[in-house]
Amino acid sequence: MSELDLLTVAADGMGVQRTLLDVAARNVAAAQAATPQHPYPRLVAHFAAADADDAFFEPSGDDDDGRAGTRFLGATPGGEAADALTEMIAVLDAQRAYEANASVFDVGKRLAERTLDLGRL
């Protein structure tokens, strides 16, 4: 695994967490709009590992070199009604995971910079 692979994996993780935040935001809005007579179902996001030759996988950048990533399969009703408290907890979890991926990305970036600096010597 090279330092560029580390950047790709961390960026992919941040993309997944961004999608989870989008789904949670929809669920919070649904919980706020729900009435006892008309509850909205909670959506649950589904993901799958995608190979580069997967027909549904869309590379995230122009310089994609065939590495695998994660694809969003969609959000399906989870069975229970949307609840604002549950969704706010999901938002906090996704935010923490996003921050962790961003930290890994920063480490990968610093590693790549140090590698380039060593190559200049």
PDB file of N, CA and C in Angstrom:
ATOM      1  N   MET A   1       0.845  -1.174   0.000  1.00  0.00           N
ATOM      2  CA  MET A   1       0.000   0.000   0.000  1.00  0.00           C
ATOM      3  C   MET A   1       0.892   1.239   0.000  1.00  0.00           C
ATOM      4  N   SER A   2       0.678   2.107  -0.948  1.00  0.00           N
ATOM      5  CA  SER A   2       1.457   3.335  -1.014  1.00  0.00           C
ATOM      6  C   SER A   2       0.730   4.452  -0.272  1.00  0.00           C
ATOM      7  N   GLU A   3       1.425   5.574  -0.126  1.00  0.00           N
ATOM      8  CA  GLU A   3       0.786   6.694   0.557  1.00  0.00           C
ATOM      9  C   GLU A   3      -0.396   7.242  -0.240  1.00  0.00           C
ATOM     10  N   LEU A   4      -0.367   7.067  -1.562  1.00  0.00           N
ATOM     11  CA  LEU A   4      -1.505   7.517  -2.368  1.00  0.00           C
ATOM     12  C   LEU A   4      -2.713   6.608  -2.159  1.00  0.00           C
ATOM     13  N   ASP A   5      -2.483   5.317  -1.915  1.00  0.00           N
ATOM     14  CA  ASP A   5      -3.596   4.420  -1.584  1.00  0.00           C
ATOM     15  C   ASP A   5      -4.243   4.851  -0.279  1.00  0.00           C
ATOM     16  N   LEU A   6      -3.429   5.271   0.666  1.00  0.00           N
ATOM     17  CA  LEU A   6      -3.948   5.740   1.949  1.00  0.00           C
ATOM     18  C   LEU A   6      -4.859   6.953   1.747  1.00  0.00           C
ATOM     19  N   LEU A   7      -4.450   7.855   0.869  1.00  0.00           N
ATOM     20  CA  LEU A   7      -5.276   9.029   0.576  1.00  0.00           C
ATOM     21  C   LEU A   7      -6.595   8.623  -0.081  1.00  0.00           C
ATOM     22  N   THR A   8      -6.537   7.653  -0.980  1.00  0.00           N
ATOM     23  CA  THR A   8      -7.743   7.197  -1.667  1.00  0.00           C
ATOM     24  C   THR A   8      -8.726   6.548  -0.701  1.00  0.00           C
ATOM     25  N   VAL A   9      -8.218   5.703   0.180  1.00  0.00           N
ATOM     26  CA  VAL A   9      -9.082   5.019   1.143  1.00  0.00           C
ATOM     27  C   VAL A   9      -9.715   6.028   2.100  1.00  0.00           C
ATOM     28  N   ALA A  10      -8.921   6.980   2.581  1.00  0.00           N
ATOM     29  CA  ALA A  10      -9.454   7.989   3.501  1.00  0.00           C
ATOM     30  C   ALA A  10     -10.495   8.858   2.805  1.00  0.00           C
ATOM     31  N   ALA A  11     -10.247   9.247   1.559  1.00  0.00           N
ATOM     32  CA  ALA A  11     -11.219  10.055   0.816  1.00  0.00           C
ATOM     33  C   ALA A  11     -12.499   9.268   0.567  1.00  0.00           C
ATOM     34  N   ASP A  12     -12.373   7.978   0.282  1.00  0.00           N
ATOM     35  CA  ASP A  12     -13.548   7.133   0.092  1.00  0.00           C
ATOM     36  C   ASP A  12     -14.358   7.052   1.382  1.00  0.00           C
ATOM     37  N   GLY A  13     -13.674   6.924   2.511  1.00  0.00           N
ATOM     38  CA  GLY A  13     -14.360   6.898   3.806  1.00  0.00           C
ATOM     39  C   GLY A  13     -15.089   8.194   4.088  1.00  0.00           C
ATOM     40  N   MET A  14     -14.467   9.325   3.723  1.00  0.00           N
ATOM     41  CA  MET A  14     -15.139  10.609   3.922  1.00  0.00           C
ATOM     42  C   MET A  14     -16.379  10.716   3.045  1.00  0.00           C
ATOM     43  N   GLY A  15     -16.316  10.164   1.836  1.00  0.00           N
ATOM     44  CA  GLY A  15     -17.485  10.172   0.955  1.00  0.00           C
ATOM     45  C   GLY A  15     -18.632   9.346   1.515  1.00  0.00           C
ATOM     46  N   VAL A  16     -18.301   8.198   2.102  1.00  0.00           N
ATOM     47  CA  VAL A  16     -19.328   7.358   2.717  1.00  0.00           C
ATOM     48  C   VAL A  16     -19.988   8.100   3.872  1.00  0.00           C
ATOM     49  N   GLN A  17     -19.177   8.741   4.714  1.00  0.00           N
ATOM     50  CA  GLN A  17     -19.739   9.449   5.866  1.00  0.00           C
ATOM     51  C   GLN A  17     -20.580  10.640   5.427  1.00  0.00           C
ATOM     52  N   ARG A  18     -20.192  11.303   4.342  1.00  0.00           N
ATOM     53  CA  ARG A  18     -20.994  12.410   3.817  1.00  0.00           C
ATOM     54  C   ARG A  18     -22.362  11.903   3.375  1.00  0.00           C
ATOM     55  N   THR A  19     -22.388  10.746   2.734  1.00  0.00           N
ATOM     56  CA  THR A  19     -23.656  10.153   2.314  1.00  0.00           C
ATOM     57  C   THR A  19     -24.512   9.787   3.519  1.00  0.00           C
ATOM     58  N   LEU A  20     -23.884   9.233   4.562  1.00  0.00           N
ATOM     59  CA  LEU A  20     -24.625   8.907   5.780  1.00  0.00           C
ATOM     60  C   LEU A  20     -25.199  10.161   6.429  1.00  0.00           C
ATOM     61  N   LEU A  21     -24.448  11.263   6.382  1.00  0.00           N
ATOM     62  CA  LEU A  21     -24.966  12.531   6.908  1.00  0.00           C
ATOM     63  C   LEU A  21     -26.165  13.013   6.097  1.00  0.00           C
ATOM     64  N   ASP A  22     -26.118  12.850   4.786  1.00  0.00           N
ATOM     65  CA  ASP A  22     -27.252  13.240   3.937  1.00  0.00           C
ATOM     66  C   ASP A  22     -28.500  12.432   4.273  1.00  0.00           C
ATOM     67  N   VAL A  23     -28.340  11.130   4.456  1.00  0.00           N
ATOM     68  CA  VAL A  23     -29.479  10.267   4.791  1.00  0.00           C
ATOM     69  C   VAL A  23     -30.022  10.633   6.169  1.00  0.00           C
ATOM     70  N   ALA A  24     -29.129  10.871   7.121  1.00  0.00           N
ATOM     71  CA  ALA A  24     -29.573  11.250   8.469  1.00  0.00           C
ATOM     72  C   ALA A  24     -30.306  12.589   8.443  1.00  0.00           C
ATOM     73  N   ALA A  25     -29.842  13.531   7.622  1.00  0.00           N
ATOM     74  CA  ALA A  25     -30.529  14.826   7.512  1.00  0.00           C
ATOM     75  C   ALA A  25     -31.938  14.634   6.968  1.00  0.00           C
ATOM     76  N   ARG A  26     -32.104  13.745   6.006  1.00  0.00           N
ATOM     77  CA  ARG A  26     -33.444  13.455   5.479  1.00  0.00           C
ATOM     78  C   ARG A  26     -34.310  12.851   6.574  1.00  0.00           C
ATOM     79  N   ASN A  27     -33.719  11.963   7.367  1.00  0.00           N
ATOM     80  CA  ASN A  27     -34.481  11.323   8.432  1.00  0.00           C
ATOM     81  C   ASN A  27     -34.885  12.313   9.527  1.00  0.00           C
ATOM     82  N   VAL A  28     -34.015  13.267   9.840  1.00  0.00           N
ATOM     83  CA  VAL A  28     -34.355  14.293  10.831  1.00  0.00           C
ATOM     84  C   VAL A  28     -35.523  15.128  10.314  1.00  0.00           C
ATOM     85  N   ALA A  29     -35.454  15.511   9.038  1.00  0.00           N
ATOM     86  CA  ALA A  29     -36.546  16.295   8.451  1.00  0.00           C
ATOM     87  C   ALA A  29     -37.849  15.494   8.453  1.00  0.00           C
ATOM     88  N   ALA A  30     -37.757  14.200   8.153  1.00  0.00           N
ATOM     89  CA  ALA A  30     -38.952  13.356   8.150  1.00  0.00           C
ATOM     90  C   ALA A  30     -39.524  13.223   9.557  1.00  0.00           C
ATOM     91  N   ALA A  31     -38.650  13.109  10.556  1.00  0.00           N
ATOM     92  CA  ALA A  31     -39.118  12.994  11.940  1.00  0.00           C
ATOM     93  C   ALA A  31     -39.828  14.268  12.376  1.00  0.00           C
ATOM     94  N   GLN A  32     -39.335  15.404  11.913  1.00  0.00           N
ATOM     95  CA  GLN A  32     -39.963  16.673  12.272  1.00  0.00           C
ATOM     96  C   GLN A  32     -41.304  16.868  11.572  1.00  0.00           C
ATOM     97  N   ALA A  33     -41.442  16.306  10.381  1.00  0.00           N
ATOM     98  CA  ALA A  33     -42.680  16.465   9.609  1.00  0.00           C
ATOM     99  C   ALA A  33     -43.715  15.398   9.934  1.00  0.00           C
ATOM    100  N   ALA A  34     -43.317  14.354  10.615  1.00  0.00           N
ATOM    101  CA  ALA A  34     -44.225  13.228  10.886  1.00  0.00           C
ATOM    102  C   ALA A  34     -45.303  13.612  11.892  1.00  0.00           C
ATOM    103  N   THR A  35     -46.431  12.999  11.729  1.00  0.00           N
ATOM    104  CA  THR A  35     -47.532  13.113  12.691  1.00  0.00           C
ATOM    105  C   THR A  35     -47.888  11.698  13.139  1.00  0.00           C
ATOM    106  N   PRO A  36     -48.610  11.554  14.226  1.00  0.00           N
ATOM    107  CA  PRO A  36     -48.992  10.195  14.647  1.00  0.00           C
ATOM    108  C   PRO A  36     -49.792   9.442  13.568  1.00  0.00           C
ATOM    109  N   GLN A  37     -50.558  10.187  12.785  1.00  0.00           N
ATOM    110  CA  GLN A  37     -51.339   9.544  11.734  1.00  0.00           C
ATOM    111  C   GLN A  37     -50.501   9.245  10.488  1.00  0.00           C
ATOM    112  N   HIS A  38     -49.444  10.004  10.282  1.00  0.00           N
ATOM    113  CA  HIS A  38     -48.605   9.855   9.082  1.00  0.00           C
ATOM    114  C   HIS A  38     -47.126   9.804   9.460  1.00  0.00           C
ATOM    115  N   PRO A  39     -46.667   8.686  10.022  1.00  0.00           N
ATOM    116  CA  PRO A  39     -45.244   8.580  10.337  1.00  0.00           C
ATOM    117  C   PRO A  39     -44.425   8.332   9.066  1.00  0.00           C
ATOM    118  N   TYR A  40     -43.223   8.866   9.027  1.00  0.00           N
ATOM    119  CA  TYR A  40     -42.316   8.623   7.914  1.00  0.00           C
ATOM    120  C   TYR A  40     -41.345   7.522   8.309  1.00  0.00           C
ATOM    121  N   PRO A  41     -41.078   6.586   7.401  1.00  0.00           N
ATOM    122  CA  PRO A  41     -40.127   5.534   7.750  1.00  0.00           C
ATOM    123  C   PRO A  41     -38.692   6.068   7.766  1.00  0.00           C
ATOM    124  N   ARG A  42     -37.898   5.489   8.637  1.00  0.00           N
ATOM    125  CA  ARG A  42     -36.475   5.834   8.723  1.00  0.00           C
ATOM    126  C   ARG A  42     -35.758   5.158   7.558  1.00  0.00           C
ATOM    127  N   LEU A  43     -34.975   5.935   6.804  1.00  0.00           N
ATOM    128  CA  LEU A  43     -34.192   5.367   5.715  1.00  0.00           C
ATOM    129  C   LEU A  43     -32.851   4.870   6.251  1.00  0.00           C
ATOM    130  N   VAL A  44     -32.404   3.745   5.715  1.00  0.00           N
ATOM    131  CA  VAL A  44     -31.120   3.162   6.082  1.00  0.00           C
ATOM    132  C   VAL A  44     -30.277   3.086   4.812  1.00  0.00           C
ATOM    133  N   ALA A  45     -29.066   3.634   4.868  1.00  0.00           N
ATOM    134  CA  ALA A  45     -28.171   3.632   3.712  1.00  0.00           C
ATOM    135  C   ALA A  45     -27.506   2.273   3.561  1.00  0.00           C
ATOM    136  N   HIS A  46     -27.321   1.853   2.306  1.00  0.00           N
ATOM    137  CA  HIS A  46     -26.655   0.590   1.996  1.00  0.00           C
ATOM    138  C   HIS A  46     -25.483   0.866   1.060  1.00  0.00           C
ATOM    139  N   PHE A  47     -24.347   0.242   1.367  1.00  0.00           N
ATOM    140  CA  PHE A  47     -23.131   0.419   0.583  1.00  0.00           C
ATOM    141  C   PHE A  47     -22.579  -0.937   0.191  1.00  0.00           C
ATOM    142  N   ALA A  48     -21.736  -0.952  -0.830  1.00  0.00           N
ATOM    143  CA  ALA A  48     -21.039  -2.169  -1.235  1.00  0.00           C
ATOM    144  C   ALA A  48     -19.662  -1.798  -1.745  1.00  0.00           C
ATOM    145  N   ALA A  49     -18.737  -2.716  -1.564  1.00  0.00           N
ATOM    146  CA  ALA A  49     -17.414  -2.517  -2.142  1.00  0.00           C
ATOM    147  C   ALA A  49     -17.561  -2.641  -3.646  1.00  0.00           C
ATOM    148  N   ALA A  50     -16.953  -1.726  -4.363  1.00  0.00           N
ATOM    149  CA  ALA A  50     -17.066  -1.722  -5.819  1.00  0.00           C
ATOM    150  C   ALA A  50     -15.691  -1.922  -6.430  1.00  0.00           C
ATOM    151  N   ASP A  51     -15.618  -2.858  -7.365  1.00  0.00           N
ATOM    152  CA  ASP A  51     -14.389  -3.040  -8.122  1.00  0.00           C
ATOM    153  C   ASP A  51     -14.377  -2.023  -9.254  1.00  0.00           C
ATOM    154  N   ALA A  52     -13.202  -1.768  -9.795  1.00  0.00           N
ATOM    155  CA  ALA A  52     -13.084  -0.776 -10.863  1.00  0.00           C
ATOM    156  C   ALA A  52     -13.846  -1.200 -12.110  1.00  0.00           C
ATOM    157  N   ASP A  53     -14.037  -2.513 -12.331  1.00  0.00           N
ATOM    158  CA  ASP A  53     -14.758  -2.963 -13.518  1.00  0.00           C
ATOM    159  C   ASP A  53     -16.262  -3.089 -13.275  1.00  0.00           C
ATOM    160  N   ASP A  54     -16.724  -2.682 -12.106  1.00  0.00           N
ATOM    161  CA  ASP A  54     -18.148  -2.708 -11.774  1.00  0.00           C
ATOM    162  C   ASP A  54     -18.876  -1.677 -12.624  1.00  0.00           C
ATOM    163  N   ALA A  55     -19.953  -2.081 -13.263  1.00  0.00           N
ATOM    164  CA  ALA A  55     -20.682  -1.185 -14.162  1.00  0.00           C
ATOM    165  C   ALA A  55     -21.319  -0.019 -13.422  1.00  0.00           C
ATOM    166  N   PHE A  56     -21.612  -0.189 -12.123  1.00  0.00           N
ATOM    167  CA  PHE A  56     -22.281   0.861 -11.364  1.00  0.00           C
ATOM    168  C   PHE A  56     -21.306   1.778 -10.654  1.00  0.00           C
ATOM    169  N   PHE A  57     -20.029   1.430 -10.669  1.00  0.00           N
ATOM    170  CA  PHE A  57     -19.032   2.222  -9.949  1.00  0.00           C
ATOM    171  C   PHE A  57     -18.608   3.398 -10.799  1.00  0.00           C
ATOM    172  N   GLU A  58     -18.742   4.587 -10.237  1.00  0.00           N
ATOM    173  CA  GLU A  58     -18.307   5.788 -10.928  1.00  0.00           C
ATOM    174  C   GLU A  58     -17.069   6.310 -10.231  1.00  0.00           C
ATOM    175  N   PRO A  59     -15.921   6.325 -10.915  1.00  0.00           N
ATOM    176  CA  PRO A  59     -14.700   6.822 -10.280  1.00  0.00           C
ATOM    177  C   PRO A  59     -14.883   8.239  -9.781  1.00  0.00           C
ATOM    178  N   SER A  60     -14.243   8.535  -8.667  1.00  0.00           N
ATOM    179  CA  SER A  60     -14.427   9.848  -8.054  1.00  0.00           C
ATOM    180  C   SER A  60     -13.583  10.921  -8.710  1.00  0.00           C
ATOM    181  N   GLY A  61     -12.590  10.549  -9.486  1.00  0.00           N
ATOM    182  CA  GLY A  61     -11.724  11.555 -10.090  1.00  0.00           C
ATOM    183  C   GLY A  61     -11.346  11.180 -11.505  1.00  0.00           C
ATOM    184  N   ASP A  62     -10.729  12.140 -12.211  1.00  0.00           N
ATOM    185  CA  ASP A  62     -10.310  11.899 -13.586  1.00  0.00           C
ATOM    186  C   ASP A  62      -9.080  11.014 -13.652  1.00  0.00           C
ATOM    187  N   ASP A  63      -8.284  10.987 -12.586  1.00  0.00           N
ATOM    188  CA  ASP A  63      -7.035  10.250 -12.600  1.00  0.00           C
ATOM    189  C   ASP A  63      -7.169   8.888 -11.913  1.00  0.00           C
ATOM    190  N   ASP A  64      -8.359   8.303 -11.945  1.00  0.00           N
ATOM    191  CA  ASP A  64      -8.573   7.007 -11.307  1.00  0.00           C
ATOM    192  C   ASP A  64      -7.779   5.947 -12.054  1.00  0.00           C
ATOM    193  N   ASP A  65      -7.042   5.134 -11.324  1.00  0.00           N
ATOM    194  CA  ASP A  65      -6.186   4.134 -11.953  1.00  0.00           C
ATOM    195  C   ASP A  65      -6.716   2.718 -11.773  1.00  0.00           C
ATOM    196  N   GLY A  66      -8.011   2.563 -11.578  1.00  0.00           N
ATOM    197  CA  GLY A  66      -8.596   1.253 -11.505  1.00  0.00           C
ATOM    198  C   GLY A  66      -8.709   0.669 -10.112  1.00  0.00           C
ATOM    199  N   ARG A  67      -8.480   1.450  -9.094  1.00  0.00           N
ATOM    200  CA  ARG A  67      -8.620   0.936  -7.729  1.00  0.00           C
ATOM    201  C   ARG A  67     -10.085   0.825  -7.343  1.00  0.00           C
ATOM    202  N   ALA A  68     -10.337  -0.065  -6.412  1.00  0.00           N
ATOM    203  CA  ALA A  68     -11.708  -0.262  -5.942  1.00  0.00           C
ATOM    204  C   ALA A  68     -12.122   0.866  -5.017  1.00  0.00           C
ATOM    205  N   GLY A  69     -13.404   0.979  -4.799  1.00  0.00           N
ATOM    206  CA  GLY A  69     -13.934   1.994  -3.902  1.00  0.00           C
ATOM    207  C   GLY A  69     -15.220   1.491  -3.273  1.00  0.00           C
ATOM    208  N   THR A  70     -16.028   2.400  -2.811  1.00  0.00           N
ATOM    209  CA  THR A  70     -17.307   2.062  -2.199  1.00  0.00           C
ATOM    210  C   THR A  70     -18.404   2.739  -2.991  1.00  0.00           C
ATOM    211  N   ARG A  71     -19.471   1.995  -3.235  1.00  0.00           N
ATOM    212  CA  ARG A  71     -20.584   2.617  -3.947  1.00  0.00           C
ATOM    213  C   ARG A  71     -21.820   2.591  -3.071  1.00  0.00           C
ATOM    214  N   PHE A  72     -22.616   3.616  -3.224  1.00  0.00           N
ATOM    215  CA  PHE A  72     -23.865   3.782  -2.495  1.00  0.00           C
ATOM    216  C   PHE A  72     -24.950   3.035  -3.255  1.00  0.00           C
ATOM    217  N   LEU A  73     -25.576   2.066  -2.609  1.00  0.00           N
ATOM    218  CA  LEU A  73     -26.618   1.279  -3.261  1.00  0.00           C
ATOM    219  C   LEU A  73     -27.992   1.922  -3.157  1.00  0.00           C
ATOM    220  N   GLY A  74     -28.135   2.843  -2.233  1.00  0.00           N
ATOM    221  CA  GLY A  74     -29.411   3.504  -2.030  1.00  0.00           C
ATOM    222  C   GLY A  74     -29.829   3.429  -0.575  1.00  0.00           C
ATOM    223  N   ALA A  75     -30.918   4.081  -0.277  1.00  0.00           N
ATOM    224  CA  ALA A  75     -31.461   4.078   1.086  1.00  0.00           C
ATOM    225  C   ALA A  75     -32.843   3.454   1.029  1.00  0.00           C
ATOM    226  N   THR A  76     -33.060   2.498   1.907  1.00  0.00           N
ATOM    227  CA  THR A  76     -34.339   1.805   1.946  1.00  0.00           C
ATOM    228  C   THR A  76     -34.991   2.011   3.301  1.00  0.00           C
ATOM    229  N   PRO A  77     -36.311   1.930   3.363  1.00  0.00           N
ATOM    230  CA  PRO A  77     -36.985   2.068   4.658  1.00  0.00           C
ATOM    231  C   PRO A  77     -36.508   0.991   5.635  1.00  0.00           C
ATOM    232  N   GLY A  78     -36.223   1.422   6.861  1.00  0.00           N
ATOM    233  CA  GLY A  78     -35.686   0.514   7.856  1.00  0.00           C
ATOM    234  C   GLY A  78     -36.735  -0.169   8.703  1.00  0.00           C
ATOM    235  N   GLY A  79     -37.987   0.113   8.500  1.00  0.00           N
ATOM    236  CA  GLY A  79     -39.037  -0.549   9.252  1.00  0.00           C
ATOM    237  C   GLY A  79     -39.622   0.312  10.355  1.00  0.00           C
ATOM    238  N   GLU A  80     -38.790   0.999  11.118  1.00  0.00           N
ATOM    239  CA  GLU A  80     -39.318   1.845  12.191  1.00  0.00           C
ATOM    240  C   GLU A  80     -39.506   3.272  11.686  1.00  0.00           C
ATOM    241  N   ALA A  81     -40.243   4.039  12.434  1.00  0.00           N
ATOM    242  CA  ALA A  81     -40.488   5.437  12.083  1.00  0.00           C
ATOM    243  C   ALA A  81     -39.238   6.271  12.377  1.00  0.00           C
ATOM    244  N   ALA A  82     -39.047   7.318  11.600  1.00  0.00           N
ATOM    245  CA  ALA A  82     -37.915   8.221  11.814  1.00  0.00           C
ATOM    246  C   ALA A  82     -38.060   8.907  13.163  1.00  0.00           C
ATOM    247  N   ASP A  83     -36.973   8.969  13.897  1.00  0.00           N
ATOM    248  CA  ASP A  83     -36.946   9.555  15.233  1.00  0.00           C
ATOM    249  C   ASP A  83     -35.798  10.557  15.283  1.00  0.00           C
ATOM    250  N   ALA A  84     -36.073  11.784  15.675  1.00  0.00           N
ATOM    251  CA  ALA A  84     -35.051  12.834  15.654  1.00  0.00           C
ATOM    252  C   ALA A  84     -33.868  12.499  16.556  1.00  0.00           C
ATOM    253  N   LEU A  85     -34.092  11.937  17.721  1.00  0.00           N
ATOM    254  CA  LEU A  85     -32.999  11.607  18.644  1.00  0.00           C
ATOM    255  C   LEU A  85     -32.086  10.545  18.053  1.00  0.00           C
ATOM    256  N   THR A  86     -32.657   9.506  17.492  1.00  0.00           N
ATOM    257  CA  THR A  86     -31.852   8.450  16.858  1.00  0.00           C
ATOM    258  C   THR A  86     -31.023   9.014  15.720  1.00  0.00           C
ATOM    259  N   GLU A  87     -31.618   9.898  14.948  1.00  0.00           N
ATOM    260  CA  GLU A  87     -30.904  10.473  13.807  1.00  0.00           C
ATOM    261  C   GLU A  87     -29.801  11.426  14.241  1.00  0.00           C
ATOM    262  N   MET A  88     -30.022  12.161  15.313  1.00  0.00           N
ATOM    263  CA  MET A  88     -28.965  13.046  15.796  1.00  0.00           C
ATOM    264  C   MET A  88     -27.767  12.242  16.302  1.00  0.00           C
ATOM    265  N   ILE A  89     -28.033  11.078  16.898  1.00  0.00           N
ATOM    266  CA  ILE A  89     -26.946  10.191  17.310  1.00  0.00           C
ATOM    267  C   ILE A  89     -26.218   9.664  16.080  1.00  0.00           C
ATOM    268  N   ALA A  90     -26.962   9.322  15.036  1.00  0.00           N
ATOM    269  CA  ALA A  90     -26.344   8.864  13.787  1.00  0.00           C
ATOM    270  C   ALA A  90     -25.485   9.969  13.170  1.00  0.00           C
ATOM    271  N   VAL A  91     -25.950  11.213  13.268  1.00  0.00           N
ATOM    272  CA  VAL A  91     -25.171  12.348  12.756  1.00  0.00           C
ATOM    273  C   VAL A  91     -23.861  12.476  13.527  1.00  0.00           C
ATOM    274  N   LEU A  92     -23.920  12.359  14.850  1.00  0.00           N
ATOM    275  CA  LEU A  92     -22.701  12.441  15.658  1.00  0.00           C
ATOM    276  C   LEU A  92     -21.726  11.319  15.311  1.00  0.00           C
ATOM    277  N   ASP A  93     -22.237  10.103  15.112  1.00  0.00           N
ATOM    278  CA  ASP A  93     -21.373   8.984  14.733  1.00  0.00           C
ATOM    279  C   ASP A  93     -20.713   9.231  13.380  1.00  0.00           C
ATOM    280  N   ALA A  94     -21.498   9.687  12.404  1.00  0.00           N
ATOM    281  CA  ALA A  94     -20.956   9.949  11.072  1.00  0.00           C
ATOM    282  C   ALA A  94     -19.944  11.090  11.115  1.00  0.00           C
ATOM    283  N   GLN A  95     -20.208  12.098  11.940  1.00  0.00           N
ATOM    284  CA  GLN A  95     -19.283  13.219  12.060  1.00  0.00           C
ATOM    285  C   GLN A  95     -17.949  12.759  12.641  1.00  0.00           C
ATOM    286  N   ARG A  96     -17.996  11.930  13.674  1.00  0.00           N
ATOM    287  CA  ARG A  96     -16.753  11.418  14.269  1.00  0.00           C
ATOM    288  C   ARG A  96     -15.978  10.558  13.283  1.00  0.00           C
ATOM    289  N   ALA A  97     -16.690   9.724  12.543  1.00  0.00           N
ATOM    290  CA  ALA A  97     -16.025   8.878  11.554  1.00  0.00           C
ATOM    291  C   ALA A  97     -15.431   9.723  10.427  1.00  0.00           C
ATOM    292  N   TYR A  98     -16.135  10.768  10.015  1.00  0.00           N
ATOM    293  CA  TYR A  98     -15.609  11.675   8.990  1.00  0.00           C
ATOM    294  C   TYR A  98     -14.326  12.338   9.484  1.00  0.00           C
ATOM    295  N   GLU A  99     -14.341  12.811  10.726  1.00  0.00           N
ATOM    296  CA  GLU A  99     -13.148  13.445  11.301  1.00  0.00           C
ATOM    297  C   GLU A  99     -11.993  12.465  11.386  1.00  0.00           C
ATOM    298  N   ALA A 100     -12.266  11.208  11.716  1.00  0.00           N
ATOM    299  CA  ALA A 100     -11.209  10.194  11.771  1.00  0.00           C
ATOM    300  C   ALA A 100     -10.622   9.968  10.382  1.00  0.00           C
ATOM    301  N   ASN A 101     -11.471   9.881   9.365  1.00  0.00           N
ATOM    302  CA  ASN A 101     -10.984   9.724   8.000  1.00  0.00           C
ATOM    303  C   ASN A 101     -10.204  10.945   7.545  1.00  0.00           C
ATOM    304  N   ALA A 102     -10.641  12.121   7.946  1.00  0.00           N
ATOM    305  CA  ALA A 102      -9.910  13.344   7.598  1.00  0.00           C
ATOM    306  C   ALA A 102      -8.541  13.350   8.256  1.00  0.00           C
ATOM    307  N   SER A 103      -8.441  12.857   9.474  1.00  0.00           N
ATOM    308  CA  SER A 103      -7.146  12.768  10.157  1.00  0.00           C
ATOM    309  C   SER A 103      -6.216  11.796   9.432  1.00  0.00           C
ATOM    310  N   VAL A 104      -6.757  10.667   9.005  1.00  0.00           N
ATOM    311  CA  VAL A 104      -5.954   9.700   8.252  1.00  0.00           C
ATOM    312  C   VAL A 104      -5.505  10.328   6.935  1.00  0.00           C
ATOM    313  N   PHE A 105      -6.393  11.076   6.293  1.00  0.00           N
ATOM    314  CA  PHE A 105      -6.034  11.750   5.047  1.00  0.00           C
ATOM    315  C   PHE A 105      -4.878  12.727   5.283  1.00  0.00           C
ATOM    316  N   ASP A 106      -4.944  13.486   6.375  1.00  0.00           N
ATOM    317  CA  ASP A 106      -3.868  14.425   6.694  1.00  0.00           C
ATOM    318  C   ASP A 106      -2.547  13.702   6.924  1.00  0.00           C
ATOM    319  N   VAL A 107      -2.591  12.568   7.607  1.00  0.00           N
ATOM    320  CA  VAL A 107      -1.370  11.788   7.831  1.00  0.00           C
ATOM    321  C   VAL A 107      -0.818  11.304   6.492  1.00  0.00           C
ATOM    322  N   GLY A 108      -1.689  10.818   5.623  1.00  0.00           N
ATOM    323  CA  GLY A 108      -1.245  10.378   4.297  1.00  0.00           C
ATOM    324  C   GLY A 108      -0.647  11.513   3.487  1.00  0.00           C
ATOM    325  N   LYS A 109      -1.251  12.690   3.604  1.00  0.00           N
ATOM    326  CA  LYS A 109      -0.729  13.855   2.885  1.00  0.00           C
ATOM    327  C   LYS A 109       0.655  14.232   3.396  1.00  0.00           C
ATOM    328  N   ARG A 110       0.817  14.224   4.733  1.00  0.00           N
ATOM    329  CA  ARG A 110       2.136  14.538   5.301  1.00  0.00           C
ATOM    330  C   ARG A 110       3.171  13.486   4.915  1.00  0.00           C
ATOM    331  N   LEU A 111       2.752  12.217   4.869  1.00  0.00           N
ATOM    332  CA  LEU A 111       3.644  11.145   4.460  1.00  0.00           C
ATOM    333  C   LEU A 111       4.097  11.342   3.019  1.00  0.00           C
ATOM    334  N   ALA A 112       3.175  11.706   2.144  1.00  0.00           N
ATOM    335  CA  ALA A 112       3.517  11.957   0.749  1.00  0.00           C
ATOM    336  C   ALA A 112       4.456  13.158   0.627  1.00  0.00           C
ATOM    337  N   GLU A 113       4.207  14.210   1.414  1.00  0.00           N
ATOM    338  CA  GLU A 113       5.088  15.385   1.386  1.00  0.00           C
ATOM    339  C   GLU A 113       6.494  15.036   1.846  1.00  0.00           C
ATOM    340  N   ARG A 114       6.593  14.249   2.920  1.00  0.00           N
ATOM    341  CA  ARG A 114       7.911  13.830   3.429  1.00  0.00           C
ATOM    342  C   ARG A 114       8.641  12.963   2.412  1.00  0.00           C
ATOM    343  N   THR A 115       7.900  12.097   1.750  1.00  0.00           N
ATOM    344  CA  THR A 115       8.509  11.244   0.715  1.00  0.00           C
ATOM    345  C   THR A 115       9.065  12.092  -0.409  1.00  0.00           C
ATOM    346  N   LEU A 116       8.314  13.094  -0.826  1.00  0.00           N
ATOM    347  CA  LEU A 116       8.796  13.999  -1.876  1.00  0.00           C
ATOM    348  C   LEU A 116      10.013  14.783  -1.397  1.00  0.00           C
ATOM    349  N   ASP A 117       9.988  15.211  -0.139  1.00  0.00           N
ATOM    350  CA  ASP A 117      11.141  15.935   0.406  1.00  0.00           C
ATOM    351  C   ASP A 117      12.386  15.062   0.406  1.00  0.00           C
ATOM    352  N   LEU A 118      12.249  13.795   0.759  1.00  0.00           N
ATOM    353  CA  LEU A 118      13.404  12.874   0.743  1.00  0.00           C
ATOM    354  C   LEU A 118      13.919  12.670  -0.677  1.00  0.00           C
ATOM    355  N   GLY A 119      13.022  12.650  -1.646  1.00  0.00           N
ATOM    356  CA  GLY A 119      13.428  12.494  -3.035  1.00  0.00           C
ATOM    357  C   GLY A 119      14.192  13.696  -3.564  1.00  0.00           C
ATOM    358  N   ARG A 120      13.990  14.855  -2.976  1.00  0.00           N
ATOM    359  CA  ARG A 120      14.685  16.069  -3.423  1.00  0.00           C
ATOM    360  C   ARG A 120      16.114  16.145  -2.902  1.00  0.00           C
ATOM    361  N   LEU A 121      16.405  15.390  -1.840  1.00  0.00           N
ATOM    362  CA  LEU A 121      17.753  15.456  -1.243  1.00  0.00           C
ATOM    363  C   LEU A 121      18.797  14.832  -2.093  1.00  0.00           C
TER     364      LEU A 121
END
